Amino acid sequence: MQRLVGFIQILHGDSIAVLSNILSMQKYWDRAVNNALLARAVEVCEAKSERWLMYGRIGNHPSLDRFKESNGFISFPVSRYYIPLTPKGRIAIKFG
């Protein structure tokens, strides 16, 4: 009998893949299901010649951050720029 014990959702771009969800049944956590799912995600990305695998932000949740760091993910700061599209947006940018 086969059971679904976890799943992973990967969004593929030009040369990047983004892990959007990793979910596994708590009953099977002792079998490192999330680690197996992550390993398979890396294999899929390699087969698609994707250079980057992104898994959210580091700094949101301590235990999730430990999981990410123990699996080789690093913090990669990205600058964000905001461009107002409306007069209301220009006022919002002006006042921070």
C-alpha atoms as a PDB file:
ATOM      1  CA  MET A   1       0.000   0.000   0.000  1.00  0.00           C
ATOM      2  CA  GLN A   2       1.391   3.382  -0.986  1.00  0.00           C
ATOM      3  CA  ARG A   3       0.755   6.547   0.983  1.00  0.00           C
ATOM      4  CA  LEU A   4       1.381  10.169   0.272  1.00  0.00           C
ATOM      5  CA  VAL A   5       3.500  11.299   3.222  1.00  0.00           C
ATOM      6  CA  GLY A   6       4.596  14.665   1.839  1.00  0.00           C
ATOM      7  CA  PHE A   7       4.816  16.920  -1.157  1.00  0.00           C
ATOM      8  CA  ILE A   8       6.855  19.802  -2.479  1.00  0.00           C
ATOM      9  CA  GLN A   9       5.788  22.564  -4.869  1.00  0.00           C
ATOM     10  CA  ILE A  10       8.428  23.990  -7.182  1.00  0.00           C
ATOM     11  CA  LEU A  11       7.899  26.980  -9.466  1.00  0.00           C
ATOM     12  CA  HIS A  12      10.297  26.998 -12.408  1.00  0.00           C
ATOM     13  CA  GLY A  13      11.613  30.164 -14.078  1.00  0.00           C
ATOM     14  CA  ASP A  14      14.323  30.846 -16.669  1.00  0.00           C
ATOM     15  CA  SER A  15      17.321  29.762 -14.613  1.00  0.00           C
ATOM     16  CA  ILE A  16      15.789  29.688 -11.144  1.00  0.00           C
ATOM     17  CA  ALA A  17      13.414  27.449  -9.241  1.00  0.00           C
ATOM     18  CA  VAL A  18      11.465  28.608  -6.220  1.00  0.00           C
ATOM     19  CA  LEU A  19      10.324  26.211  -3.517  1.00  0.00           C
ATOM     20  CA  SER A  20       6.904  27.409  -2.580  1.00  0.00           C
ATOM     21  CA  ASN A  21       5.652  24.635  -0.284  1.00  0.00           C
ATOM     22  CA  ILE A  22       7.138  21.678   1.525  1.00  0.00           C
ATOM     23  CA  LEU A  23       4.656  19.732   3.573  1.00  0.00           C
ATOM     24  CA  SER A  24       4.936  16.325   5.209  1.00  0.00           C
ATOM     25  CA  MET A  25       2.863  14.367   7.673  1.00  0.00           C
ATOM     26  CA  GLN A  26       4.068  14.816  11.233  1.00  0.00           C
ATOM     27  CA  LYS A  27       3.631  11.079  11.773  1.00  0.00           C
ATOM     28  CA  TYR A  28       6.596  10.455   9.422  1.00  0.00           C
ATOM     29  CA  TRP A  29       8.961  13.218  10.539  1.00  0.00           C
ATOM     30  CA  ASP A  30      11.352  10.647  12.017  1.00  0.00           C
ATOM     31  CA  ARG A  31      12.010   9.463   8.435  1.00  0.00           C
ATOM     32  CA  ALA A  32      13.285  12.885   7.252  1.00  0.00           C
ATOM     33  CA  VAL A  33      10.645  13.225   4.538  1.00  0.00           C
ATOM     34  CA  ASN A  34      11.371  16.938   4.037  1.00  0.00           C
ATOM     35  CA  ASN A  35      15.056  16.209   3.486  1.00  0.00           C
ATOM     36  CA  ALA A  36      14.200  13.565   0.887  1.00  0.00           C
ATOM     37  CA  LEU A  37      11.808  15.952  -0.870  1.00  0.00           C
ATOM     38  CA  LEU A  38      14.459  18.663  -0.902  1.00  0.00           C
ATOM     39  CA  ALA A  39      17.064  16.254  -2.294  1.00  0.00           C
ATOM     40  CA  ARG A  40      14.687  15.288  -5.101  1.00  0.00           C
ATOM     41  CA  ALA A  41      13.978  18.982  -5.812  1.00  0.00           C
ATOM     42  CA  VAL A  42      17.718  19.548  -6.268  1.00  0.00           C
ATOM     43  CA  GLU A  43      17.870  16.607  -8.700  1.00  0.00           C
ATOM     44  CA  VAL A  44      14.937  18.004 -10.709  1.00  0.00           C
ATOM     45  CA  CYS A  45      16.564  21.456 -10.846  1.00  0.00           C
ATOM     46  CA  GLU A  46      19.841  19.940 -11.984  1.00  0.00           C
ATOM     47  CA  ALA A  47      18.069  18.013 -14.744  1.00  0.00           C
ATOM     48  CA  LYS A  48      16.452  21.274 -15.926  1.00  0.00           C
ATOM     49  CA  SER A  49      19.831  23.103 -15.764  1.00  0.00           C
ATOM     50  CA  GLU A  50      18.497  25.677 -13.327  1.00  0.00           C
ATOM     51  CA  ARG A  51      21.317  27.595 -11.675  1.00  0.00           C
ATOM     52  CA  TRP A  52      19.459  28.770  -8.564  1.00  0.00           C
ATOM     53  CA  LEU A  53      17.098  27.186  -6.066  1.00  0.00           C
ATOM     54  CA  MET A  54      15.372  29.674  -3.792  1.00  0.00           C
ATOM     55  CA  TYR A  55      13.479  28.772  -0.642  1.00  0.00           C
ATOM     56  CA  GLY A  56      11.868  31.867   0.845  1.00  0.00           C
ATOM     57  CA  ARG A  57      13.593  34.240   3.222  1.00  0.00           C
ATOM     58  CA  ILE A  58      15.903  33.393   6.077  1.00  0.00           C
ATOM     59  CA  GLY A  59      15.049  35.217   9.281  1.00  0.00           C
ATOM     60  CA  ASN A  60      11.333  34.512   9.585  1.00  0.00           C
ATOM     61  CA  HIS A  61      11.206  31.447  11.801  1.00  0.00           C
ATOM     62  CA  PRO A  62      14.132  30.013  13.837  1.00  0.00           C
ATOM     63  CA  SER A  63      13.450  26.290  13.319  1.00  0.00           C
ATOM     64  CA  LEU A  64      12.749  26.736   9.602  1.00  0.00           C
ATOM     65  CA  ASP A  65      15.909  28.839   9.315  1.00  0.00           C
ATOM     66  CA  ARG A  66      17.932  26.005  10.906  1.00  0.00           C
ATOM     67  CA  PHE A  67      16.428  23.541   8.402  1.00  0.00           C
ATOM     68  CA  LYS A  68      17.304  25.818   5.484  1.00  0.00           C
ATOM     69  CA  GLU A  69      20.863  26.472   6.692  1.00  0.00           C
ATOM     70  CA  SER A  70      21.516  22.798   7.466  1.00  0.00           C
ATOM     71  CA  ASN A  71      20.511  22.012   3.876  1.00  0.00           C
ATOM     72  CA  GLY A  72      22.905  24.547   2.360  1.00  0.00           C
ATOM     73  CA  PHE A  73      20.666  27.553   1.783  1.00  0.00           C
ATOM     74  CA  ILE A  74      22.250  30.928   2.461  1.00  0.00           C
ATOM     75  CA  SER A  75      20.887  34.397   2.948  1.00  0.00           C
ATOM     76  CA  PHE A  76      21.121  36.393  -0.263  1.00  0.00           C
ATOM     77  CA  PRO A  77      20.001  39.996   0.195  1.00  0.00           C
ATOM     78  CA  VAL A  78      18.136  41.510  -2.740  1.00  0.00           C
ATOM     79  CA  SER A  79      17.561  45.238  -3.097  1.00  0.00           C
ATOM     80  CA  ARG A  80      13.958  46.287  -3.569  1.00  0.00           C
ATOM     81  CA  TYR A  81      12.899  49.387  -5.373  1.00  0.00           C
ATOM     82  CA  TYR A  82       9.436  50.867  -5.266  1.00  0.00           C
ATOM     83  CA  ILE A  83       8.059  52.838  -8.197  1.00  0.00           C
ATOM     84  CA  PRO A  84       4.804  54.715  -7.666  1.00  0.00           C
ATOM     85  CA  LEU A  85       2.229  54.136 -10.384  1.00  0.00           C
ATOM     86  CA  THR A  86      -0.468  56.503  -9.131  1.00  0.00           C
ATOM     87  CA  PRO A  87      -0.608  59.902  -7.401  1.00  0.00           C
ATOM     88  CA  LYS A  88      -1.569  58.083  -4.214  1.00  0.00           C
ATOM     89  CA  GLY A  89       1.560  55.928  -4.607  1.00  0.00           C
ATOM     90  CA  ARG A  90       3.769  58.989  -5.071  1.00  0.00           C
ATOM     91  CA  ILE A  91       2.429  60.417  -1.809  1.00  0.00           C
ATOM     92  CA  ALA A  92       3.020  57.095  -0.033  1.00  0.00           C
ATOM     93  CA  ILE A  93       6.633  56.978  -1.270  1.00  0.00           C
ATOM     94  CA  LYS A  94       7.181  60.603  -0.300  1.00  0.00           C
ATOM     95  CA  PHE A  95       6.085  59.963   3.288  1.00  0.00           C
ATOM     96  CA  GLY A  96       7.797  56.595   3.571  1.00  0.00           C
END
